[in-house]
Amino acid sequence: LSSSLSFPGLEIDLKRYEVRRQQELVPLSAKEFEL
């Protein structure tokens, strides 16, 4: 439930299906997030 991936300037929350770039939420489609 705490799965997340962190890279410089980019956060990928695998639980909430959210991506943030420089702390700002990036709207992705389901397929874009999976890819």
PDB file of all heavy atoms in Angstrom:
ATOM      1  N   LEU A   1       0.801  -1.205   0.000  1.00  0.00           N
ATOM      2  CA  LEU A   1       0.000   0.000   0.000  1.00  0.00           C
ATOM      3  C   LEU A   1       0.847   1.275   0.000  1.00  0.00           C
ATOM      4  O   LEU A   1       0.332   2.362  -0.162  1.00  0.00           O
ATOM      5  CB  LEU A   1      -0.948  -0.003   1.207  1.00  0.00           C
ATOM      6  CG  LEU A   1      -1.977  -1.140   1.225  1.00  0.00           C
ATOM      7  CD1 LEU A   1      -2.852  -1.021   2.466  1.00  0.00           C
ATOM      8  CD2 LEU A   1      -2.835  -1.123  -0.029  1.00  0.00           C
ATOM      9  N   SER A   2       2.131   1.149   0.227  1.00  0.00           N
ATOM     10  CA  SER A   2       2.989   2.326   0.244  1.00  0.00           C
ATOM     11  C   SER A   2       3.867   2.416  -0.997  1.00  0.00           C
ATOM     12  O   SER A   2       4.808   3.199  -1.030  1.00  0.00           O
ATOM     13  CB  SER A   2       3.875   2.309   1.498  1.00  0.00           C
ATOM     14  OG  SER A   2       4.742   1.186   1.478  1.00  0.00           O
ATOM     15  N   SER A   3       3.576   1.581  -1.998  1.00  0.00           N
ATOM     16  CA  SER A   3       4.424   1.533  -3.181  1.00  0.00           C
ATOM     17  C   SER A   3       4.481   2.875  -3.888  1.00  0.00           C
ATOM     18  O   SER A   3       3.449   3.475  -4.193  1.00  0.00           O
ATOM     19  CB  SER A   3       3.907   0.472  -4.158  1.00  0.00           C
ATOM     20  OG  SER A   3       4.075  -0.824  -3.624  1.00  0.00           O
ATOM     21  N   SER A   4       5.683   3.336  -4.141  1.00  0.00           N
ATOM     22  CA  SER A   4       5.882   4.546  -4.918  1.00  0.00           C
ATOM     23  C   SER A   4       7.271   4.486  -5.529  1.00  0.00           C
ATOM     24  O   SER A   4       8.157   3.797  -5.022  1.00  0.00           O
ATOM     25  CB  SER A   4       5.732   5.804  -4.061  1.00  0.00           C
ATOM     26  OG  SER A   4       6.729   5.844  -3.069  1.00  0.00           O
ATOM     27  N   LEU A   5       7.434   5.202  -6.616  1.00  0.00           N
ATOM     28  CA  LEU A   5       8.712   5.278  -7.310  1.00  0.00           C
ATOM     29  C   LEU A   5       9.121   6.736  -7.365  1.00  0.00           C
ATOM     30  O   LEU A   5       8.315   7.598  -7.740  1.00  0.00           O
ATOM     31  CB  LEU A   5       8.600   4.696  -8.719  1.00  0.00           C
ATOM     32  CG  LEU A   5       8.113   3.245  -8.823  1.00  0.00           C
ATOM     33  CD1 LEU A   5       7.863   2.879 -10.288  1.00  0.00           C
ATOM     34  CD2 LEU A   5       9.125   2.293  -8.208  1.00  0.00           C
ATOM     35  N   SER A   6      10.364   7.005  -7.012  1.00  0.00           N
ATOM     36  CA  SER A   6      10.840   8.390  -6.972  1.00  0.00           C
ATOM     37  C   SER A   6      12.063   8.565  -7.855  1.00  0.00           C
ATOM     38  O   SER A   6      13.003   7.761  -7.797  1.00  0.00           O
ATOM     39  CB  SER A   6      11.205   8.786  -5.533  1.00  0.00           C
ATOM     40  OG  SER A   6      10.073   8.732  -4.695  1.00  0.00           O
ATOM     41  N   PHE A   7      12.028   9.619  -8.658  1.00  0.00           N
ATOM     42  CA  PHE A   7      13.145  10.010  -9.510  1.00  0.00           C
ATOM     43  C   PHE A   7      13.291  11.524  -9.395  1.00  0.00           C
ATOM     44  O   PHE A   7      12.341  12.209  -9.003  1.00  0.00           O
ATOM     45  CB  PHE A   7      12.892   9.589 -10.962  1.00  0.00           C
ATOM     46  CG  PHE A   7      12.652   8.116 -11.128  1.00  0.00           C
ATOM     47  CD1 PHE A   7      11.351   7.601 -11.059  1.00  0.00           C
ATOM     48  CD2 PHE A   7      13.703   7.240 -11.328  1.00  0.00           C
ATOM     49  CE1 PHE A   7      11.125   6.246 -11.188  1.00  0.00           C
ATOM     50  CE2 PHE A   7      13.482   5.880 -11.468  1.00  0.00           C
ATOM     51  CZ  PHE A   7      12.188   5.381 -11.383  1.00  0.00           C
ATOM     52  N   PRO A   8      14.424  12.066  -9.714  1.00  0.00           N
ATOM     53  CA  PRO A   8      14.590  13.519  -9.627  1.00  0.00           C
ATOM     54  C   PRO A   8      13.512  14.264 -10.401  1.00  0.00           C
ATOM     55  O   PRO A   8      13.399  14.126 -11.617  1.00  0.00           O
ATOM     56  CB  PRO A   8      15.976  13.751 -10.233  1.00  0.00           C
ATOM     57  CG  PRO A   8      16.712  12.477  -9.942  1.00  0.00           C
ATOM     58  CD  PRO A   8      15.685  11.394 -10.105  1.00  0.00           C
ATOM     59  N   GLY A   9      12.677  14.991  -9.671  1.00  0.00           N
ATOM     60  CA  GLY A   9      11.618  15.771 -10.304  1.00  0.00           C
ATOM     61  C   GLY A   9      10.370  14.993 -10.650  1.00  0.00           C
ATOM     62  O   GLY A   9       9.411  15.570 -11.169  1.00  0.00           O
ATOM     63  N   LEU A  10      10.326  13.671 -10.358  1.00  0.00           N
ATOM     64  CA  LEU A  10       9.187  12.861 -10.763  1.00  0.00           C
ATOM     65  C   LEU A  10       8.841  11.852  -9.673  1.00  0.00           C
ATOM     66  O   LEU A  10       9.708  11.124  -9.190  1.00  0.00           O
ATOM     67  CB  LEU A  10       9.504  12.117 -12.063  1.00  0.00           C
ATOM     68  CG  LEU A  10       8.324  11.429 -12.759  1.00  0.00           C
ATOM     69  CD1 LEU A  10       7.357  12.466 -13.334  1.00  0.00           C
ATOM     70  CD2 LEU A  10       8.822  10.513 -13.876  1.00  0.00           C
ATOM     71  N   GLU A  11       7.559  11.794  -9.277  1.00  0.00           N
ATOM     72  CA  GLU A  11       7.056  10.852  -8.294  1.00  0.00           C
ATOM     73  C   GLU A  11       5.921  10.046  -8.909  1.00  0.00           C
ATOM     74  O   GLU A  11       4.993  10.608  -9.485  1.00  0.00           O
ATOM     75  CB  GLU A  11       6.539  11.574  -7.052  1.00  0.00           C
ATOM     76  CG  GLU A  11       7.588  12.373  -6.305  1.00  0.00           C
ATOM     77  CD  GLU A  11       8.534  11.482  -5.515  1.00  0.00           C
ATOM     78  OE1 GLU A  11       8.112  10.368  -5.125  1.00  0.00           O
ATOM     79  OE2 GLU A  11       9.684  11.906  -5.281  1.00  0.00           O
ATOM     80  N   ILE A  12       5.994   8.702  -8.755  1.00  0.00           N
ATOM     81  CA  ILE A  12       4.959   7.820  -9.291  1.00  0.00           C
ATOM     82  C   ILE A  12       4.350   7.056  -8.123  1.00  0.00           C
ATOM     83  O   ILE A  12       5.015   6.229  -7.499  1.00  0.00           O
ATOM     84  CB  ILE A  12       5.535   6.841 -10.324  1.00  0.00           C
ATOM     85  CG1 ILE A  12       6.253   7.606 -11.443  1.00  0.00           C
ATOM     86  CG2 ILE A  12       4.437   5.950 -10.905  1.00  0.00           C
ATOM     87  CD1 ILE A  12       7.056   6.709 -12.374  1.00  0.00           C
ATOM     88  N   ASP A  13       3.084   7.340  -7.804  1.00  0.00           N
ATOM     89  CA  ASP A  13       2.380   6.692  -6.700  1.00  0.00           C
ATOM     90  C   ASP A  13       1.596   5.514  -7.260  1.00  0.00           C
ATOM     91  O   ASP A  13       0.584   5.692  -7.943  1.00  0.00           O
ATOM     92  CB  ASP A  13       1.434   7.684  -6.026  1.00  0.00           C
ATOM     93  CG  ASP A  13       0.862   7.150  -4.715  1.00  0.00           C
ATOM     94  OD1 ASP A  13       0.549   5.941  -4.648  1.00  0.00           O
ATOM     95  OD2 ASP A  13       0.733   7.933  -3.764  1.00  0.00           O
ATOM     96  N   LEU A  14       2.071   4.296  -6.973  1.00  0.00           N
ATOM     97  CA  LEU A  14       1.462   3.096  -7.533  1.00  0.00           C
ATOM     98  C   LEU A  14       0.163   2.710  -6.833  1.00  0.00           C
ATOM     99  O   LEU A  14      -0.596   1.894  -7.345  1.00  0.00           O
ATOM    100  CB  LEU A  14       2.456   1.928  -7.456  1.00  0.00           C
ATOM    101  CG  LEU A  14       3.769   2.141  -8.202  1.00  0.00           C
ATOM    102  CD1 LEU A  14       4.721   0.975  -7.947  1.00  0.00           C
ATOM    103  CD2 LEU A  14       3.520   2.316  -9.694  1.00  0.00           C
ATOM    104  N   LYS A  15      -0.074   3.267  -5.659  1.00  0.00           N
ATOM    105  CA  LYS A  15      -1.305   2.994  -4.936  1.00  0.00           C
ATOM    106  C   LYS A  15      -2.443   3.864  -5.453  1.00  0.00           C
ATOM    107  O   LYS A  15      -3.548   3.379  -5.684  1.00  0.00           O
ATOM    108  CB  LYS A  15      -1.100   3.244  -3.442  1.00  0.00           C
ATOM    109  CG  LYS A  15      -2.375   3.155  -2.617  1.00  0.00           C
ATOM    110  CD  LYS A  15      -2.131   3.609  -1.188  1.00  0.00           C
ATOM    111  CE  LYS A  15      -3.436   3.686  -0.409  1.00  0.00           C
ATOM    112  NZ  LYS A  15      -3.228   4.204   0.964  1.00  0.00           N
ATOM    113  N   ARG A  16      -2.173   5.130  -5.633  1.00  0.00           N
ATOM    114  CA  ARG A  16      -3.208   6.083  -6.027  1.00  0.00           C
ATOM    115  C   ARG A  16      -3.262   6.328  -7.529  1.00  0.00           C
ATOM    116  O   ARG A  16      -4.080   7.105  -8.000  1.00  0.00           O
ATOM    117  CB  ARG A  16      -2.993   7.414  -5.306  1.00  0.00           C
ATOM    118  CG  ARG A  16      -3.107   7.289  -3.783  1.00  0.00           C
ATOM    119  CD  ARG A  16      -2.837   8.619  -3.106  1.00  0.00           C
ATOM    120  NE  ARG A  16      -2.959   8.499  -1.659  1.00  0.00           N
ATOM    121  CZ  ARG A  16      -2.707   9.469  -0.800  1.00  0.00           C
ATOM    122  NH1 ARG A  16      -2.301  10.653  -1.243  1.00  0.00           N
ATOM    123  NH2 ARG A  16      -2.834   9.282   0.502  1.00  0.00           N
ATOM    124  N   TYR A  17      -2.369   5.689  -8.261  1.00  0.00           N
ATOM    125  CA  TYR A  17      -2.306   5.892  -9.715  1.00  0.00           C
ATOM    126  C   TYR A  17      -2.130   7.376 -10.040  1.00  0.00           C
ATOM    127  O   TYR A  17      -2.838   7.943 -10.873  1.00  0.00           O
ATOM    128  CB  TYR A  17      -3.549   5.329 -10.403  1.00  0.00           C
ATOM    129  CG  TYR A  17      -3.698   3.841 -10.238  1.00  0.00           C
ATOM    130  CD1 TYR A  17      -4.538   3.323  -9.268  1.00  0.00           C
ATOM    131  CD2 TYR A  17      -2.988   2.941 -11.026  1.00  0.00           C
ATOM    132  CE1 TYR A  17      -4.668   1.945  -9.092  1.00  0.00           C
ATOM    133  CE2 TYR A  17      -3.107   1.578 -10.864  1.00  0.00           C
ATOM    134  CZ  TYR A  17      -3.949   1.085  -9.890  1.00  0.00           C
ATOM    135  OH  TYR A  17      -4.076  -0.270  -9.706  1.00  0.00           O
ATOM    136  N   GLU A  18      -1.161   7.990  -9.350  1.00  0.00           N
ATOM    137  CA  GLU A  18      -0.891   9.403  -9.552  1.00  0.00           C
ATOM    138  C   GLU A  18       0.575   9.622  -9.908  1.00  0.00           C
ATOM    139  O   GLU A  18       1.449   8.909  -9.432  1.00  0.00           O
ATOM    140  CB  GLU A  18      -1.215  10.206  -8.285  1.00  0.00           C
ATOM    141  CG  GLU A  18      -2.686  10.282  -7.970  1.00  0.00           C
ATOM    142  CD  GLU A  18      -2.964  11.118  -6.726  1.00  0.00           C
ATOM    143  OE1 GLU A  18      -2.002  11.478  -6.010  1.00  0.00           O
ATOM    144  OE2 GLU A  18      -4.146  11.400  -6.474  1.00  0.00           O
ATOM    145  N   VAL A  19       0.802  10.614 -10.725  1.00  0.00           N
ATOM    146  CA  VAL A  19       2.161  11.013 -11.098  1.00  0.00           C
ATOM    147  C   VAL A  19       2.294  12.516 -10.845  1.00  0.00           C
ATOM    148  O   VAL A  19       1.396  13.297 -11.205  1.00  0.00           O
ATOM    149  CB  VAL A  19       2.459  10.702 -12.577  1.00  0.00           C
ATOM    150  CG1 VAL A  19       3.807  11.278 -12.997  1.00  0.00           C
ATOM    151  CG2 VAL A  19       2.425   9.204 -12.822  1.00  0.00           C
ATOM    152  N   ARG A  20       3.400  12.897 -10.208  1.00  0.00           N
ATOM    153  CA  ARG A  20       3.658  14.308  -9.963  1.00  0.00           C
ATOM    154  C   ARG A  20       5.020  14.685 -10.528  1.00  0.00           C
ATOM    155  O   ARG A  20       5.993  13.967 -10.328  1.00  0.00           O
ATOM    156  CB  ARG A  20       3.611  14.617  -8.461  1.00  0.00           C
ATOM    157  CG  ARG A  20       2.226  14.434  -7.865  1.00  0.00           C
ATOM    158  CD  ARG A  20       2.157  14.783  -6.383  1.00  0.00           C
ATOM    159  NE  ARG A  20       0.834  14.546  -5.848  1.00  0.00           N
ATOM    160  CZ  ARG A  20      -0.168  15.421  -5.905  1.00  0.00           C
ATOM    161  NH1 ARG A  20       0.060  16.619  -6.451  1.00  0.00           N
ATOM    162  NH2 ARG A  20      -1.359  15.123  -5.423  1.00  0.00           N
ATOM    163  N   ARG A  21       5.043  15.793 -11.234  1.00  0.00           N
ATOM    164  CA  ARG A  21       6.307  16.352 -11.756  1.00  0.00           C
ATOM    165  C   ARG A  21       6.552  17.672 -11.060  1.00  0.00           C
ATOM    166  O   ARG A  21       5.688  18.560 -11.110  1.00  0.00           O
ATOM    167  CB  ARG A  21       6.239  16.533 -13.272  1.00  0.00           C
ATOM    168  CG  ARG A  21       7.543  17.051 -13.861  1.00  0.00           C
ATOM    169  CD  ARG A  21       7.558  16.909 -15.379  1.00  0.00           C
ATOM    170  NE  ARG A  21       6.610  17.796 -16.022  1.00  0.00           N
ATOM    171  CZ  ARG A  21       6.864  19.059 -16.375  1.00  0.00           C
ATOM    172  NH1 ARG A  21       8.051  19.583 -16.123  1.00  0.00           N
ATOM    173  NH2 ARG A  21       5.954  19.795 -16.969  1.00  0.00           N
ATOM    174  N   GLN A  22       7.687  17.770 -10.375  1.00  0.00           N
ATOM    175  CA  GLN A  22       7.988  18.962  -9.581  1.00  0.00           C
ATOM    176  C   GLN A  22       6.824  19.284  -8.638  1.00  0.00           C
ATOM    177  O   GLN A  22       6.398  20.443  -8.504  1.00  0.00           O
ATOM    178  CB  GLN A  22       8.283  20.154 -10.494  1.00  0.00           C
ATOM    179  CG  GLN A  22       9.428  19.940 -11.462  1.00  0.00           C
ATOM    180  CD  GLN A  22      10.774  19.748 -10.749  1.00  0.00           C
ATOM    181  OE1 GLN A  22      10.913  19.982  -9.566  1.00  0.00           O
ATOM    182  NE2 GLN A  22      11.772  19.284 -11.497  1.00  0.00           N
ATOM    183  N   GLN A  23       6.283  18.230  -7.985  1.00  0.00           N
ATOM    184  CA  GLN A  23       5.212  18.332  -6.994  1.00  0.00           C
ATOM    185  C   GLN A  23       3.839  18.630  -7.583  1.00  0.00           C
ATOM    186  O   GLN A  23       2.847  18.688  -6.853  1.00  0.00           O
ATOM    187  CB  GLN A  23       5.538  19.377  -5.926  1.00  0.00           C
ATOM    188  CG  GLN A  23       6.884  19.178  -5.227  1.00  0.00           C
ATOM    189  CD  GLN A  23       6.993  17.807  -4.560  1.00  0.00           C
ATOM    190  OE1 GLN A  23       6.050  17.356  -3.909  1.00  0.00           O
ATOM    191  NE2 GLN A  23       8.142  17.148  -4.726  1.00  0.00           N
ATOM    192  N   GLU A  24       3.745  18.815  -8.888  1.00  0.00           N
ATOM    193  CA  GLU A  24       2.455  19.108  -9.505  1.00  0.00           C
ATOM    194  C   GLU A  24       1.877  17.848 -10.136  1.00  0.00           C
ATOM    195  O   GLU A  24       2.573  17.111 -10.823  1.00  0.00           O
ATOM    196  CB  GLU A  24       2.596  20.202 -10.562  1.00  0.00           C
ATOM    197  CG  GLU A  24       2.937  21.563  -9.991  1.00  0.00           C
ATOM    198  CD  GLU A  24       2.862  22.653 -11.039  1.00  0.00           C
ATOM    199  OE1 GLU A  24       2.431  22.359 -12.180  1.00  0.00           O
ATOM    200  OE2 GLU A  24       3.241  23.792 -10.724  1.00  0.00           O
ATOM    201  N   LEU A  25       0.573  17.624  -9.892  1.00  0.00           N
ATOM    202  CA  LEU A  25      -0.101  16.443 -10.406  1.00  0.00           C
ATOM    203  C   LEU A  25      -0.158  16.485 -11.932  1.00  0.00           C
ATOM    204  O   LEU A  25      -0.541  17.496 -12.521  1.00  0.00           O
ATOM    205  CB  LEU A  25      -1.516  16.366  -9.831  1.00  0.00           C
ATOM    206  CG  LEU A  25      -2.315  15.089 -10.134  1.00  0.00           C
ATOM    207  CD1 LEU A  25      -1.654  13.875  -9.482  1.00  0.00           C
ATOM    208  CD2 LEU A  25      -3.753  15.240  -9.638  1.00  0.00           C
ATOM    209  N   VAL A  26       0.223  15.366 -12.554  1.00  0.00           N
ATOM    210  CA  VAL A  26       0.199  15.247 -14.013  1.00  0.00           C
ATOM    211  C   VAL A  26      -0.967  14.339 -14.411  1.00  0.00           C
ATOM    212  O   VAL A  26      -1.010  13.173 -14.007  1.00  0.00           O
ATOM    213  CB  VAL A  26       1.515  14.656 -14.549  1.00  0.00           C
ATOM    214  CG1 VAL A  26       1.460  14.514 -16.069  1.00  0.00           C
ATOM    215  CG2 VAL A  26       2.694  15.505 -14.132  1.00  0.00           C
ATOM    216  N   PRO A  27      -1.939  14.827 -15.172  1.00  0.00           N
ATOM    217  CA  PRO A  27      -3.071  13.987 -15.570  1.00  0.00           C
ATOM    218  C   PRO A  27      -2.657  12.997 -16.661  1.00  0.00           C
ATOM    219  O   PRO A  27      -2.300  13.397 -17.770  1.00  0.00           O
ATOM    220  CB  PRO A  27      -4.096  14.996 -16.107  1.00  0.00           C
ATOM    221  CG  PRO A  27      -3.274  16.165 -16.569  1.00  0.00           C
ATOM    222  CD  PRO A  27      -2.073  16.218 -15.661  1.00  0.00           C
ATOM    223  N   LEU A  28      -2.694  11.704 -16.329  1.00  0.00           N
ATOM    224  CA  LEU A  28      -2.375  10.655 -17.282  1.00  0.00           C
ATOM    225  C   LEU A  28      -3.594   9.774 -17.504  1.00  0.00           C
ATOM    226  O   LEU A  28      -4.393   9.562 -16.589  1.00  0.00           O
ATOM    227  CB  LEU A  28      -1.222   9.775 -16.771  1.00  0.00           C
ATOM    228  CG  LEU A  28       0.138  10.419 -16.541  1.00  0.00           C
ATOM    229  CD1 LEU A  28       1.144   9.345 -16.118  1.00  0.00           C
ATOM    230  CD2 LEU A  28       0.632  11.148 -17.775  1.00  0.00           C
ATOM    231  N   SER A  29      -3.725   9.246 -18.711  1.00  0.00           N
ATOM    232  CA  SER A  29      -4.745   8.233 -18.950  1.00  0.00           C
ATOM    233  C   SER A  29      -4.311   6.933 -18.286  1.00  0.00           C
ATOM    234  O   SER A  29      -3.148   6.768 -17.893  1.00  0.00           O
ATOM    235  CB  SER A  29      -4.926   8.012 -20.456  1.00  0.00           C
ATOM    236  OG  SER A  29      -3.784   7.351 -21.002  1.00  0.00           O
ATOM    237  N   ALA A  30      -5.252   6.007 -18.147  1.00  0.00           N
ATOM    238  CA  ALA A  30      -4.932   4.727 -17.512  1.00  0.00           C
ATOM    239  C   ALA A  30      -3.813   4.010 -18.258  1.00  0.00           C
ATOM    240  O   ALA A  30      -2.883   3.472 -17.644  1.00  0.00           O
ATOM    241  CB  ALA A  30      -6.182   3.846 -17.458  1.00  0.00           C
ATOM    242  N   LYS A  31      -3.864   4.024 -19.571  1.00  0.00           N
ATOM    243  CA  LYS A  31      -2.842   3.334 -20.349  1.00  0.00           C
ATOM    244  C   LYS A  31      -1.490   4.026 -20.253  1.00  0.00           C
ATOM    245  O   LYS A  31      -0.454   3.359 -20.190  1.00  0.00           O
ATOM    246  CB  LYS A  31      -3.284   3.221 -21.811  1.00  0.00           C
ATOM    247  CG  LYS A  31      -2.503   2.208 -22.621  1.00  0.00           C
ATOM    248  CD  LYS A  31      -2.595   0.799 -22.028  1.00  0.00           C
ATOM    249  CE  LYS A  31      -4.002   0.261 -22.016  1.00  0.00           C
ATOM    250  NZ  LYS A  31      -4.078  -1.093 -21.427  1.00  0.00           N
ATOM    251  N   GLU A  32      -1.486   5.342 -20.220  1.00  0.00           N
ATOM    252  CA  GLU A  32      -0.232   6.068 -20.051  1.00  0.00           C
ATOM    253  C   GLU A  32       0.399   5.739 -18.706  1.00  0.00           C
ATOM    254  O   GLU A  32       1.616   5.547 -18.617  1.00  0.00           O
ATOM    255  CB  GLU A  32      -0.482   7.572 -20.173  1.00  0.00           C
ATOM    256  CG  GLU A  32      -0.796   8.036 -21.585  1.00  0.00           C
ATOM    257  CD  GLU A  32      -1.330   9.451 -21.639  1.00  0.00           C
ATOM    258  OE1 GLU A  32      -1.613  10.034 -20.573  1.00  0.00           O
ATOM    259  OE2 GLU A  32      -1.486   9.981 -22.753  1.00  0.00           O
ATOM    260  N   PHE A  33      -0.419   5.667 -17.649  1.00  0.00           N
ATOM    261  CA  PHE A  33       0.113   5.340 -16.330  1.00  0.00           C
ATOM    262  C   PHE A  33       0.685   3.921 -16.305  1.00  0.00           C
ATOM    263  O   PHE A  33       1.752   3.678 -15.734  1.00  0.00           O
ATOM    264  CB  PHE A  33      -0.967   5.478 -15.252  1.00  0.00           C
ATOM    265  CG  PHE A  33      -0.453   5.240 -13.858  1.00  0.00           C
ATOM    266  CD1 PHE A  33       0.083   6.276 -13.121  1.00  0.00           C
ATOM    267  CD2 PHE A  33      -0.494   3.972 -13.295  1.00  0.00           C
ATOM    268  CE1 PHE A  33       0.583   6.063 -11.843  1.00  0.00           C
ATOM    269  CE2 PHE A  33       0.003   3.746 -12.021  1.00  0.00           C
ATOM    270  CZ  PHE A  33       0.541   4.793 -11.290  1.00  0.00           C
ATOM    271  N   GLU A  34      -0.016   2.988 -16.899  1.00  0.00           N
ATOM    272  CA  GLU A  34       0.467   1.603 -16.934  1.00  0.00           C
ATOM    273  C   GLU A  34       1.791   1.500 -17.678  1.00  0.00           C
ATOM    274  O   GLU A  34       2.716   0.794 -17.248  1.00  0.00           O
ATOM    275  CB  GLU A  34      -0.588   0.705 -17.580  1.00  0.00           C
ATOM    276  CG  GLU A  34      -1.843   0.543 -16.733  1.00  0.00           C
ATOM    277  CD  GLU A  34      -3.002  -0.038 -17.512  1.00  0.00           C
ATOM    278  OE1 GLU A  34      -2.768  -0.540 -18.638  1.00  0.00           O
ATOM    279  OE2 GLU A  34      -4.135   0.006 -17.012  1.00  0.00           O
ATOM    280  N   LEU A  35       1.891   2.194 -18.787  1.00  0.00           N
ATOM    281  CA  LEU A  35       3.121   2.172 -19.578  1.00  0.00           C
ATOM    282  C   LEU A  35       4.281   2.783 -18.790  1.00  0.00           C
ATOM    283  O   LEU A  35       5.381   2.204 -18.732  1.00  0.00           O
ATOM    284  CB  LEU A  35       2.902   2.931 -20.885  1.00  0.00           C
ATOM    285  CG  LEU A  35       4.089   3.061 -21.836  1.00  0.00           C
ATOM    286  CD1 LEU A  35       4.636   1.691 -22.215  1.00  0.00           C
ATOM    287  CD2 LEU A  35       3.670   3.833 -23.089  1.00  0.00           C
TER     288      LEU A  35
END
